[in-house]
């Protein structure tokens, strides 16, 4: 790819990115009153984060069974209100222990 084509692609990408961020600010001048839309927009970041994270959890160890052990451990500890560090360390240890039990290491 030559420099001129690269520059065109870069400008188009920059323009699209700018429009996506600028249009909602210019088109929506007043506060959103609908409780449904407000709750929908409130949960979007959590949904996107979950959709991006979940596949990485399942395929993180190379074996879905050991990843499931870590995920179940993390969910249980998070449900009990443990800290993020505790959840992460325990989930990693559970996945490692599952790999040892299954003879994958």
PDB file of N, CA and C in Angstrom:
ATOM      1  N   UNK A   1       0.846  -1.162   0.000  1.00  0.00           N
ATOM      2  CA  UNK A   1       0.000   0.000   0.000  1.00  0.00           C
ATOM      3  C   UNK A   1       0.903   1.241   0.000  1.00  0.00           C
ATOM      4  N   UNK A   2       0.618   2.128  -0.883  1.00  0.00           N
ATOM      5  CA  UNK A   2       1.441   3.337  -0.962  1.00  0.00           C
ATOM      6  C   UNK A   2       0.960   4.380   0.053  1.00  0.00           C
ATOM      7  N   UNK A   3       1.746   5.419   0.212  1.00  0.00           N
ATOM      8  CA  UNK A   3       1.479   6.428   1.241  1.00  0.00           C
ATOM      9  C   UNK A   3       0.199   7.208   0.965  1.00  0.00           C
ATOM     10  N   UNK A   4      -0.109   7.440  -0.301  1.00  0.00           N
ATOM     11  CA  UNK A   4      -1.311   8.210  -0.638  1.00  0.00           C
ATOM     12  C   UNK A   4      -2.576   7.422  -0.271  1.00  0.00           C
ATOM     13  N   UNK A   5      -2.606   6.140  -0.577  1.00  0.00           N
ATOM     14  CA  UNK A   5      -3.758   5.305  -0.237  1.00  0.00           C
ATOM     15  C   UNK A   5      -3.898   5.195   1.277  1.00  0.00           C
ATOM     16  N   UNK A   6      -2.773   5.027   1.955  1.00  0.00           N
ATOM     17  CA  UNK A   6      -2.788   4.942   3.412  1.00  0.00           C
ATOM     18  C   UNK A   6      -3.357   6.216   4.021  1.00  0.00           C
ATOM     19  N   UNK A   7      -2.970   7.364   3.496  1.00  0.00           N
ATOM     20  CA  UNK A   7      -3.459   8.646   3.997  1.00  0.00           C
ATOM     21  C   UNK A   7      -4.967   8.772   3.786  1.00  0.00           C
ATOM     22  N   UNK A   8      -5.447   8.330   2.625  1.00  0.00           N
ATOM     23  CA  UNK A   8      -6.893   8.375   2.371  1.00  0.00           C
ATOM     24  C   UNK A   8      -7.642   7.500   3.371  1.00  0.00           C
ATOM     25  N   UNK A   9      -7.164   6.291   3.590  1.00  0.00           N
ATOM     26  CA  UNK A   9      -7.810   5.385   4.545  1.00  0.00           C
ATOM     27  C   UNK A   9      -7.799   5.992   5.943  1.00  0.00           C
ATOM     28  N   UNK A  10      -6.688   6.569   6.332  1.00  0.00           N
ATOM     29  CA  UNK A  10      -6.569   7.166   7.649  1.00  0.00           C
ATOM     30  C   UNK A  10      -7.543   8.326   7.821  1.00  0.00           C
ATOM     31  N   UNK A  11      -7.694   9.171   6.813  1.00  0.00           N
ATOM     32  CA  UNK A  11      -8.630  10.291   6.889  1.00  0.00           C
ATOM     33  C   UNK A  11     -10.074   9.817   6.962  1.00  0.00           C
ATOM     34  N   UNK A  12     -10.417   8.780   6.200  1.00  0.00           N
ATOM     35  CA  UNK A  12     -11.779   8.242   6.248  1.00  0.00           C
ATOM     36  C   UNK A  12     -12.064   7.665   7.631  1.00  0.00           C
ATOM     37  N   UNK A  13     -11.120   6.914   8.182  1.00  0.00           N
ATOM     38  CA  UNK A  13     -11.321   6.338   9.515  1.00  0.00           C
ATOM     39  C   UNK A  13     -11.447   7.434  10.567  1.00  0.00           C
ATOM     40  N   UNK A  14     -10.640   8.473  10.466  1.00  0.00           N
ATOM     41  CA  UNK A  14     -10.715   9.578  11.423  1.00  0.00           C
ATOM     42  C   UNK A  14     -12.056  10.297  11.305  1.00  0.00           C
ATOM     43  N   UNK A  15     -12.531  10.503  10.085  1.00  0.00           N
ATOM     44  CA  UNK A  15     -13.822  11.155   9.877  1.00  0.00           C
ATOM     45  C   UNK A  15     -14.976  10.348  10.436  1.00  0.00           C
ATOM     46  N   UNK A  16     -14.972   9.043  10.190  1.00  0.00           N
ATOM     47  CA  UNK A  16     -16.038   8.183  10.705  1.00  0.00           C
ATOM     48  C   UNK A  16     -16.026   8.166  12.228  1.00  0.00           C
ATOM     49  N   UNK A  17     -14.854   8.057  12.806  1.00  0.00           N
ATOM     50  CA  UNK A  17     -14.744   8.050  14.265  1.00  0.00           C
ATOM     51  C   UNK A  17     -15.240   9.364  14.851  1.00  0.00           C
ATOM     52  N   UNK A  18     -14.891  10.460  14.229  1.00  0.00           N
ATOM     53  CA  UNK A  18     -15.332  11.771  14.709  1.00  0.00           C
ATOM     54  C   UNK A  18     -16.852  11.908  14.600  1.00  0.00           C
ATOM     55  N   UNK A  19     -17.423  11.472  13.474  1.00  0.00           N
ATOM     56  CA  UNK A  19     -18.870  11.578  13.296  1.00  0.00           C
ATOM     57  C   UNK A  19     -19.634  10.750  14.319  1.00  0.00           C
ATOM     58  N   UNK A  20     -19.148   9.555  14.601  1.00  0.00           N
ATOM     59  CA  UNK A  20     -19.827   8.698  15.571  1.00  0.00           C
ATOM     60  C   UNK A  20     -19.850   9.353  16.949  1.00  0.00           C
ATOM     61  N   UNK A  21     -18.820  10.065  17.292  1.00  0.00           N
ATOM     62  CA  UNK A  21     -18.754  10.707  18.613  1.00  0.00           C
ATOM     63  C   UNK A  21     -19.433  12.075  18.631  1.00  0.00           C
ATOM     64  N   UNK A  22     -19.473  12.748  17.512  1.00  0.00           N
ATOM     65  CA  UNK A  22     -19.999  14.106  17.460  1.00  0.00           C
ATOM     66  C   UNK A  22     -21.506  14.142  17.235  1.00  0.00           C
ATOM     67  N   UNK A  23     -22.056  13.258  16.428  1.00  0.00           N
ATOM     68  CA  UNK A  23     -23.472  13.317  16.084  1.00  0.00           C
ATOM     69  C   UNK A  23     -24.412  13.211  17.289  1.00  0.00           C
ATOM     70  N   UNK A  24     -24.205  12.283  18.218  1.00  0.00           N
ATOM     71  CA  UNK A  24     -25.126  12.260  19.365  1.00  0.00           C
ATOM     72  C   UNK A  24     -25.115  13.556  20.174  1.00  0.00           C
ATOM     73  N   UNK A  25     -23.964  14.199  20.268  1.00  0.00           N
ATOM     74  CA  UNK A  25     -23.886  15.449  21.033  1.00  0.00           C
ATOM     75  C   UNK A  25     -24.633  16.582  20.347  1.00  0.00           C
ATOM     76  N   UNK A  26     -24.644  16.589  19.023  1.00  0.00           N
ATOM     77  CA  UNK A  26     -25.302  17.672  18.312  1.00  0.00           C
ATOM     78  C   UNK A  26     -26.789  17.407  18.083  1.00  0.00           C
ATOM     79  N   UNK A  27     -27.172  16.144  17.955  1.00  0.00           N
ATOM     80  CA  UNK A  27     -28.570  15.834  17.666  1.00  0.00           C
ATOM     81  C   UNK A  27     -29.436  15.769  18.918  1.00  0.00           C
ATOM     82  N   UNK A  28     -28.857  15.456  20.058  1.00  0.00           N
ATOM     83  CA  UNK A  28     -29.629  15.312  21.291  1.00  0.00           C
ATOM     84  C   UNK A  28     -29.340  16.510  22.192  1.00  0.00           C
ATOM     85  N   UNK A  29     -30.172  17.525  22.087  1.00  0.00           N
ATOM     86  CA  UNK A  29     -29.926  18.760  22.823  1.00  0.00           C
ATOM     87  C   UNK A  29     -30.555  18.745  24.213  1.00  0.00           C
ATOM     88  N   UNK A  30     -31.561  17.906  24.424  1.00  0.00           N
ATOM     89  CA  UNK A  30     -32.220  17.900  25.724  1.00  0.00           C
ATOM     90  C   UNK A  30     -31.979  16.570  26.432  1.00  0.00           C
ATOM     91  N   UNK A  31     -32.296  16.543  27.720  1.00  0.00           N
ATOM     92  CA  UNK A  31     -32.089  15.350  28.533  1.00  0.00           C
ATOM     93  C   UNK A  31     -33.060  14.247  28.101  1.00  0.00           C
ATOM     94  N   UNK A  32     -32.581  13.004  28.123  1.00  0.00           N
ATOM     95  CA  UNK A  32     -33.421  11.871  27.751  1.00  0.00           C
ATOM     96  C   UNK A  32     -34.399  11.608  28.881  1.00  0.00           C
ATOM     97  N   UNK A  33     -35.694  11.648  28.571  1.00  0.00           N
ATOM     98  CA  UNK A  33     -36.710  11.508  29.597  1.00  0.00           C
ATOM     99  C   UNK A  33     -37.241  10.096  29.752  1.00  0.00           C
ATOM    100  N   UNK A  34     -37.124   9.280  28.739  1.00  0.00           N
ATOM    101  CA  UNK A  34     -37.681   7.933  28.778  1.00  0.00           C
ATOM    102  C   UNK A  34     -36.881   7.045  29.732  1.00  0.00           C
ATOM    103  N   UNK A  35     -37.540   6.461  30.734  1.00  0.00           N
ATOM    104  CA  UNK A  35     -36.828   5.578  31.658  1.00  0.00           C
ATOM    105  C   UNK A  35     -36.274   4.335  30.952  1.00  0.00           C
ATOM    106  N   UNK A  36     -36.977   3.852  29.937  1.00  0.00           N
ATOM    107  CA  UNK A  36     -36.513   2.673  29.213  1.00  0.00           C
ATOM    108  C   UNK A  36     -35.203   2.964  28.495  1.00  0.00           C
ATOM    109  N   UNK A  37     -35.136   4.067  27.780  1.00  0.00           N
ATOM    110  CA  UNK A  37     -33.913   4.412  27.038  1.00  0.00           C
ATOM    111  C   UNK A  37     -32.773   4.722  28.001  1.00  0.00           C
ATOM    112  N   UNK A  38     -33.094   5.399  29.096  1.00  0.00           N
ATOM    113  CA  UNK A  38     -32.048   5.697  30.090  1.00  0.00           C
ATOM    114  C   UNK A  38     -31.473   4.420  30.690  1.00  0.00           C
ATOM    115  N   UNK A  39     -32.335   3.461  31.032  1.00  0.00           N
ATOM    116  CA  UNK A  39     -31.828   2.206  31.600  1.00  0.00           C
ATOM    117  C   UNK A  39     -31.069   1.411  30.549  1.00  0.00           C
ATOM    118  N   UNK A  40     -31.537   1.463  29.298  1.00  0.00           N
ATOM    119  CA  UNK A  40     -30.837   0.787  28.202  1.00  0.00           C
ATOM    120  C   UNK A  40     -29.426   1.349  28.052  1.00  0.00           C
ATOM    121  N   UNK A  41     -29.296   2.650  28.025  1.00  0.00           N
ATOM    122  CA  UNK A  41     -27.982   3.280  27.874  1.00  0.00           C
ATOM    123  C   UNK A  41     -27.105   3.065  29.104  1.00  0.00           C
ATOM    124  N   UNK A  42     -27.712   2.910  30.272  1.00  0.00           N
ATOM    125  CA  UNK A  42     -26.938   2.664  31.483  1.00  0.00           C
ATOM    126  C   UNK A  42     -26.241   1.308  31.436  1.00  0.00           C
ATOM    127  N   UNK A  43     -26.911   0.279  30.889  1.00  0.00           N
ATOM    128  CA  UNK A  43     -26.363  -1.075  30.901  1.00  0.00           C
ATOM    129  C   UNK A  43     -25.498  -1.411  29.685  1.00  0.00           C
ATOM    130  N   UNK A  44     -25.419  -0.554  28.702  1.00  0.00           N
ATOM    131  CA  UNK A  44     -24.619  -0.825  27.504  1.00  0.00           C
ATOM    132  C   UNK A  44     -23.148  -1.086  27.827  1.00  0.00           C
ATOM    133  N   UNK A  45     -22.468  -0.279  28.644  1.00  0.00           N
ATOM    134  CA  UNK A  45     -21.044  -0.569  28.911  1.00  0.00           C
ATOM    135  C   UNK A  45     -20.818  -1.942  29.535  1.00  0.00           C
ATOM    136  N   UNK A  46     -21.688  -2.360  30.448  1.00  0.00           N
ATOM    137  CA  UNK A  46     -21.539  -3.665  31.088  1.00  0.00           C
ATOM    138  C   UNK A  46     -21.753  -4.792  30.082  1.00  0.00           C
ATOM    139  N   UNK A  47     -22.712  -4.605  29.198  1.00  0.00           N
ATOM    140  CA  UNK A  47     -23.001  -5.615  28.180  1.00  0.00           C
ATOM    141  C   UNK A  47     -21.845  -5.767  27.212  1.00  0.00           C
ATOM    142  N   UNK A  48     -21.307  -4.661  26.757  1.00  0.00           N
ATOM    143  CA  UNK A  48     -20.184  -4.712  25.814  1.00  0.00           C
ATOM    144  C   UNK A  48     -18.959  -5.331  26.480  1.00  0.00           C
ATOM    145  N   UNK A  49     -18.687  -4.962  27.716  1.00  0.00           N
ATOM    146  CA  UNK A  49     -17.550  -5.535  28.427  1.00  0.00           C
ATOM    147  C   UNK A  49     -17.713  -7.039  28.594  1.00  0.00           C
ATOM    148  N   UNK A  50     -18.910  -7.481  28.935  1.00  0.00           N
ATOM    149  CA  UNK A  50     -19.165  -8.915  29.061  1.00  0.00           C
ATOM    150  C   UNK A  50     -19.014  -9.654  27.742  1.00  0.00           C
ATOM    151  N   UNK A  51     -19.516  -9.057  26.673  1.00  0.00           N
ATOM    152  CA  UNK A  51     -19.410  -9.694  25.354  1.00  0.00           C
ATOM    153  C   UNK A  51     -17.958  -9.772  24.887  1.00  0.00           C
ATOM    154  N   UNK A  52     -17.141  -8.826  25.279  1.00  0.00           N
ATOM    155  CA  UNK A  52     -15.733  -8.860  24.886  1.00  0.00           C
ATOM    156  C   UNK A  52     -14.921  -9.797  25.773  1.00  0.00           C
ATOM    157  N   UNK A  53     -15.306  -9.929  27.033  1.00  0.00           N
ATOM    158  CA  UNK A  53     -14.525 -10.703  27.990  1.00  0.00           C
ATOM    159  C   UNK A  53     -14.850 -12.191  27.964  1.00  0.00           C
ATOM    160  N   UNK A  54     -16.114 -12.551  27.821  1.00  0.00           N
ATOM    161  CA  UNK A  54     -16.531 -13.943  27.956  1.00  0.00           C
ATOM    162  C   UNK A  54     -15.809 -14.891  26.994  1.00  0.00           C
ATOM    163  N   UNK A  55     -15.678 -14.588  25.691  1.00  0.00           N
ATOM    164  CA  UNK A  55     -14.947 -15.522  24.820  1.00  0.00           C
ATOM    165  C   UNK A  55     -13.486 -15.710  25.238  1.00  0.00           C
ATOM    166  N   UNK A  56     -12.865 -14.656  25.745  1.00  0.00           N
ATOM    167  CA  UNK A  56     -11.477 -14.782  26.207  1.00  0.00           C
ATOM    168  C   UNK A  56     -11.380 -15.671  27.440  1.00  0.00           C
ATOM    169  N   UNK A  57     -12.393 -15.632  28.275  1.00  0.00           N
ATOM    170  CA  UNK A  57     -12.391 -16.505  29.450  1.00  0.00           C
ATOM    171  C   UNK A  57     -12.476 -17.968  29.012  1.00  0.00           C
ATOM    172  N   UNK A  58     -13.373 -18.266  28.085  1.00  0.00           N
ATOM    173  CA  UNK A  58     -13.606 -19.654  27.673  1.00  0.00           C
ATOM    174  C   UNK A  58     -12.377 -20.258  26.999  1.00  0.00           C
ATOM    175  N   UNK A  59     -11.650 -19.456  26.231  1.00  0.00           N
ATOM    176  CA  UNK A  59     -10.506 -19.987  25.478  1.00  0.00           C
ATOM    177  C   UNK A  59      -9.154 -19.620  26.085  1.00  0.00           C
ATOM    178  N   UNK A  60      -9.138 -19.110  27.310  1.00  0.00           N
ATOM    179  CA  UNK A  60      -7.891 -18.625  27.902  1.00  0.00           C
ATOM    180  C   UNK A  60      -6.906 -19.728  28.232  1.00  0.00           C
ATOM    181  N   UNK A  61      -7.376 -20.905  28.610  1.00  0.00           N
ATOM    182  CA  UNK A  61      -6.472 -21.962  29.040  1.00  0.00           C
ATOM    183  C   UNK A  61      -6.205 -23.000  27.959  1.00  0.00           C
ATOM    184  N   UNK A  62      -6.912 -22.922  26.859  1.00  0.00           N
ATOM    185  CA  UNK A  62      -6.752 -23.919  25.807  1.00  0.00           C
ATOM    186  C   UNK A  62      -7.695 -25.096  25.966  1.00  0.00           C
ATOM    187  N   UNK A  63      -8.312 -25.228  27.125  1.00  0.00           N
ATOM    188  CA  UNK A  63      -9.284 -26.293  27.380  1.00  0.00           C
ATOM    189  C   UNK A  63     -10.486 -25.662  28.078  1.00  0.00           C
ATOM    190  N   UNK A  64     -11.651 -25.713  27.460  1.00  0.00           N
ATOM    191  CA  UNK A  64     -12.822 -25.066  28.064  1.00  0.00           C
ATOM    192  C   UNK A  64     -13.199 -25.608  29.443  1.00  0.00           C
ATOM    193  N   UNK A  65     -12.844 -26.842  29.751  1.00  0.00           N
ATOM    194  CA  UNK A  65     -13.175 -27.408  31.071  1.00  0.00           C
ATOM    195  C   UNK A  65     -12.416 -26.686  32.179  1.00  0.00           C
ATOM    196  N   UNK A  66     -11.136 -26.449  31.959  1.00  0.00           N
ATOM    197  CA  UNK A  66     -10.350 -25.761  32.991  1.00  0.00           C
ATOM    198  C   UNK A  66     -10.734 -24.285  33.077  1.00  0.00           C
ATOM    199  N   UNK A  67     -11.069 -23.693  31.942  1.00  0.00           N
ATOM    200  CA  UNK A  67     -11.526 -22.302  31.958  1.00  0.00           C
ATOM    201  C   UNK A  67     -12.852 -22.188  32.694  1.00  0.00           C
ATOM    202  N   UNK A  68     -13.716 -23.194  32.539  1.00  0.00           N
ATOM    203  CA  UNK A  68     -14.991 -23.196  33.246  1.00  0.00           C
ATOM    204  C   UNK A  68     -14.780 -23.271  34.756  1.00  0.00           C
ATOM    205  N   UNK A  69     -13.793 -24.036  35.194  1.00  0.00           N
ATOM    206  CA  UNK A  69     -13.488 -24.112  36.631  1.00  0.00           C
ATOM    207  C   UNK A  69     -13.083 -22.741  37.170  1.00  0.00           C
ATOM    208  N   UNK A  70     -12.243 -22.045  36.436  1.00  0.00           N
ATOM    209  CA  UNK A  70     -11.843 -20.702  36.857  1.00  0.00           C
ATOM    210  C   UNK A  70     -13.001 -19.717  36.829  1.00  0.00           C
ATOM    211  N   UNK A  71     -13.856 -19.824  35.799  1.00  0.00           N
ATOM    212  CA  UNK A  71     -14.983 -18.907  35.678  1.00  0.00           C
ATOM    213  C   UNK A  71     -16.003 -19.131  36.796  1.00  0.00           C
ATOM    214  N   UNK A  72     -16.289 -20.383  37.109  1.00  0.00           N
ATOM    215  CA  UNK A  72     -17.236 -20.675  38.190  1.00  0.00           C
ATOM    216  C   UNK A  72     -16.689 -20.165  39.520  1.00  0.00           C
ATOM    217  N   UNK A  73     -15.405 -20.365  39.747  1.00  0.00           N
ATOM    218  CA  UNK A  73     -14.779 -19.858  40.973  1.00  0.00           C
ATOM    219  C   UNK A  73     -14.881 -18.340  41.042  1.00  0.00           C
ATOM    220  N   UNK A  74     -14.585 -17.672  39.934  1.00  0.00           N
ATOM    221  CA  UNK A  74     -14.645 -16.211  39.908  1.00  0.00           C
ATOM    222  C   UNK A  74     -16.067 -15.717  40.141  1.00  0.00           C
ATOM    223  N   UNK A  75     -17.040 -16.346  39.518  1.00  0.00           N
ATOM    224  CA  UNK A  75     -18.429 -15.923  39.704  1.00  0.00           C
ATOM    225  C   UNK A  75     -18.885 -16.122  41.144  1.00  0.00           C
ATOM    226  N   UNK A  76     -18.518 -17.247  41.738  1.00  0.00           N
ATOM    227  CA  UNK A  76     -18.920 -17.520  43.121  1.00  0.00           C
ATOM    228  C   UNK A  76     -18.311 -16.509  44.088  1.00  0.00           C
ATOM    229  N   UNK A  77     -17.027 -16.230  43.915  1.00  0.00           N
ATOM    230  CA  UNK A  77     -16.377 -15.271  44.820  1.00  0.00           C
ATOM    231  C   UNK A  77     -16.884 -13.844  44.601  1.00  0.00           C
ATOM    232  N   UNK A  78     -17.117 -13.489  43.343  1.00  0.00           N
ATOM    233  CA  UNK A  78     -17.652 -12.154  43.068  1.00  0.00           C
ATOM    234  C   UNK A  78     -19.058 -12.011  43.642  1.00  0.00           C
ATOM    235  N   UNK A  79     -19.846 -13.071  43.551  1.00  0.00           N
ATOM    236  CA  UNK A  79     -21.205 -13.054  44.105  1.00  0.00           C
ATOM    237  C   UNK A  79     -21.164 -12.853  45.626  1.00  0.00           C
ATOM    238  N   UNK A  80     -20.137 -13.405  46.259  1.00  0.00           N
ATOM    239  CA  UNK A  80     -19.990 -13.267  47.718  1.00  0.00           C
ATOM    240  C   UNK A  80     -19.397 -11.918  48.120  1.00  0.00           C
ATOM    241  N   UNK A  81     -19.032 -11.088  47.155  1.00  0.00           N
ATOM    242  CA  UNK A  81     -18.543  -9.748  47.444  1.00  0.00           C
ATOM    243  C   UNK A  81     -17.052  -9.654  47.720  1.00  0.00           C
ATOM    244  N   UNK A  82     -16.268 -10.620  47.269  1.00  0.00           N
ATOM    245  CA  UNK A  82     -14.819 -10.586  47.483  1.00  0.00           C
ATOM    246  C   UNK A  82     -14.193  -9.505  46.594  1.00  0.00           C
ATOM    247  N   UNK A  83     -12.965  -9.121  46.914  1.00  0.00           N
ATOM    248  CA  UNK A  83     -12.284  -8.082  46.156  1.00  0.00           C
ATOM    249  C   UNK A  83     -11.833  -8.616  44.786  1.00  0.00           C
ATOM    250  N   UNK A  84     -11.545  -7.689  43.893  1.00  0.00           N
ATOM    251  CA  UNK A  84     -11.139  -8.060  42.539  1.00  0.00           C
ATOM    252  C   UNK A  84      -9.853  -8.878  42.548  1.00  0.00           C
ATOM    253  N   UNK A  85      -8.913  -8.503  43.393  1.00  0.00           N
ATOM    254  CA  UNK A  85      -7.650  -9.245  43.472  1.00  0.00           C
ATOM    255  C   UNK A  85      -7.885 -10.674  43.955  1.00  0.00           C
ATOM    256  N   UNK A  86      -8.716 -10.837  44.962  1.00  0.00           N
ATOM    257  CA  UNK A  86      -9.026 -12.171  45.483  1.00  0.00           C
ATOM    258  C   UNK A  86      -9.698 -13.021  44.415  1.00  0.00           C
ATOM    259  N   UNK A  87     -10.640 -12.440  43.699  1.00  0.00           N
ATOM    260  CA  UNK A  87     -11.359 -13.168  42.646  1.00  0.00           C
ATOM    261  C   UNK A  87     -10.391 -13.590  41.542  1.00  0.00           C
ATOM    262  N   UNK A  88      -9.527 -12.689  41.107  1.00  0.00           N
ATOM    263  CA  UNK A  88      -8.603 -13.000  40.019  1.00  0.00           C
ATOM    264  C   UNK A  88      -7.604 -14.082  40.409  1.00  0.00           C
ATOM    265  N   UNK A  89      -7.043 -13.970  41.599  1.00  0.00           N
ATOM    266  CA  UNK A  89      -6.058 -14.959  42.046  1.00  0.00           C
ATOM    267  C   UNK A  89      -6.712 -16.325  42.241  1.00  0.00           C
ATOM    268  N   UNK A  90      -7.886 -16.352  42.841  1.00  0.00           N
ATOM    269  CA  UNK A  90      -8.563 -17.625  43.072  1.00  0.00           C
ATOM    270  C   UNK A  90      -9.005 -18.276  41.764  1.00  0.00           C
ATOM    271  N   UNK A  91      -9.470 -17.484  40.815  1.00  0.00           N
ATOM    272  CA  UNK A  91      -9.873 -18.037  39.516  1.00  0.00           C
ATOM    273  C   UNK A  91      -8.667 -18.611  38.775  1.00  0.00           C
ATOM    274  N   UNK A  92      -7.560 -17.912  38.830  1.00  0.00           N
ATOM    275  CA  UNK A  92      -6.344 -18.420  38.188  1.00  0.00           C
ATOM    276  C   UNK A  92      -5.872 -19.704  38.859  1.00  0.00           C
ATOM    277  N   UNK A  93      -5.928 -19.736  40.184  1.00  0.00           N
ATOM    278  CA  UNK A  93      -5.520 -20.936  40.912  1.00  0.00           C
ATOM    279  C   UNK A  93      -6.450 -22.108  40.617  1.00  0.00           C
ATOM    280  N   UNK A  94      -7.744 -21.845  40.491  1.00  0.00           N
ATOM    281  CA  UNK A  94      -8.700 -22.912  40.180  1.00  0.00           C
ATOM    282  C   UNK A  94      -8.462 -23.465  38.782  1.00  0.00           C
ATOM    283  N   UNK A  95      -8.200 -22.597  37.825  1.00  0.00           N
ATOM    284  CA  UNK A  95      -7.923 -23.059  36.464  1.00  0.00           C
ATOM    285  C   UNK A  95      -6.621 -23.866  36.432  1.00  0.00           C
ATOM    286  N   UNK A  96      -5.620 -23.409  37.171  1.00  0.00           N
ATOM    287  CA  UNK A  96      -4.349 -24.130  37.241  1.00  0.00           C
ATOM    288  C   UNK A  96      -4.532 -25.496  37.892  1.00  0.00           C
ATOM    289  N   UNK A  97      -5.286 -25.536  38.985  1.00  0.00           N
ATOM    290  CA  UNK A  97      -5.541 -26.810  39.668  1.00  0.00           C
ATOM    291  C   UNK A  97      -6.324 -27.769  38.773  1.00  0.00           C
ATOM    292  N   UNK A  98      -7.268 -27.244  38.019  1.00  0.00           N
ATOM    293  CA  UNK A  98      -8.029 -28.084  37.096  1.00  0.00           C
ATOM    294  C   UNK A  98      -7.122 -28.663  36.007  1.00  0.00           C
ATOM    295  N   UNK A  99      -6.164 -27.864  35.547  1.00  0.00           N
ATOM    296  CA  UNK A  99      -5.217 -28.375  34.549  1.00  0.00           C
ATOM    297  C   UNK A  99      -4.354 -29.480  35.142  1.00  0.00           C
ATOM    298  N   UNK A 100      -3.946 -29.300  36.390  1.00  0.00           N
ATOM    299  CA  UNK A 100      -3.153 -30.356  37.045  1.00  0.00           C
ATOM    300  C   UNK A 100      -3.974 -31.630  37.221  1.00  0.00           C
ATOM    301  N   UNK A 101      -5.221 -31.487  37.631  1.00  0.00           N
ATOM    302  CA  UNK A 101      -6.094 -32.647  37.842  1.00  0.00           C
ATOM    303  C   UNK A 101      -6.378 -33.402  36.553  1.00  0.00           C
ATOM    304  N   UNK A 102      -6.524 -32.661  35.479  1.00  0.00           N
ATOM    305  CA  UNK A 102      -6.815 -33.293  34.189  1.00  0.00           C
ATOM    306  C   UNK A 102      -5.557 -33.780  33.473  1.00  0.00           C
ATOM    307  N   UNK A 103      -4.408 -33.503  34.051  1.00  0.00           N
ATOM    308  CA  UNK A 103      -3.143 -33.953  33.451  1.00  0.00           C
ATOM    309  C   UNK A 103      -2.746 -33.177  32.221  1.00  0.00           C
ATOM    310  N   UNK A 104      -3.158 -31.921  32.140  1.00  0.00           N
ATOM    311  CA  UNK A 104      -2.828 -31.102  30.971  1.00  0.00           C
ATOM    312  C   UNK A 104      -1.501 -30.388  31.116  1.00  0.00           C
ATOM    313  N   UNK A 105      -0.941 -30.372  32.328  1.00  0.00           N
ATOM    314  CA  UNK A 105       0.357 -29.709  32.530  1.00  0.00           C
ATOM    315  C   UNK A 105       1.448 -30.739  32.747  1.00  0.00           C
TER     316      UNK A 105
END
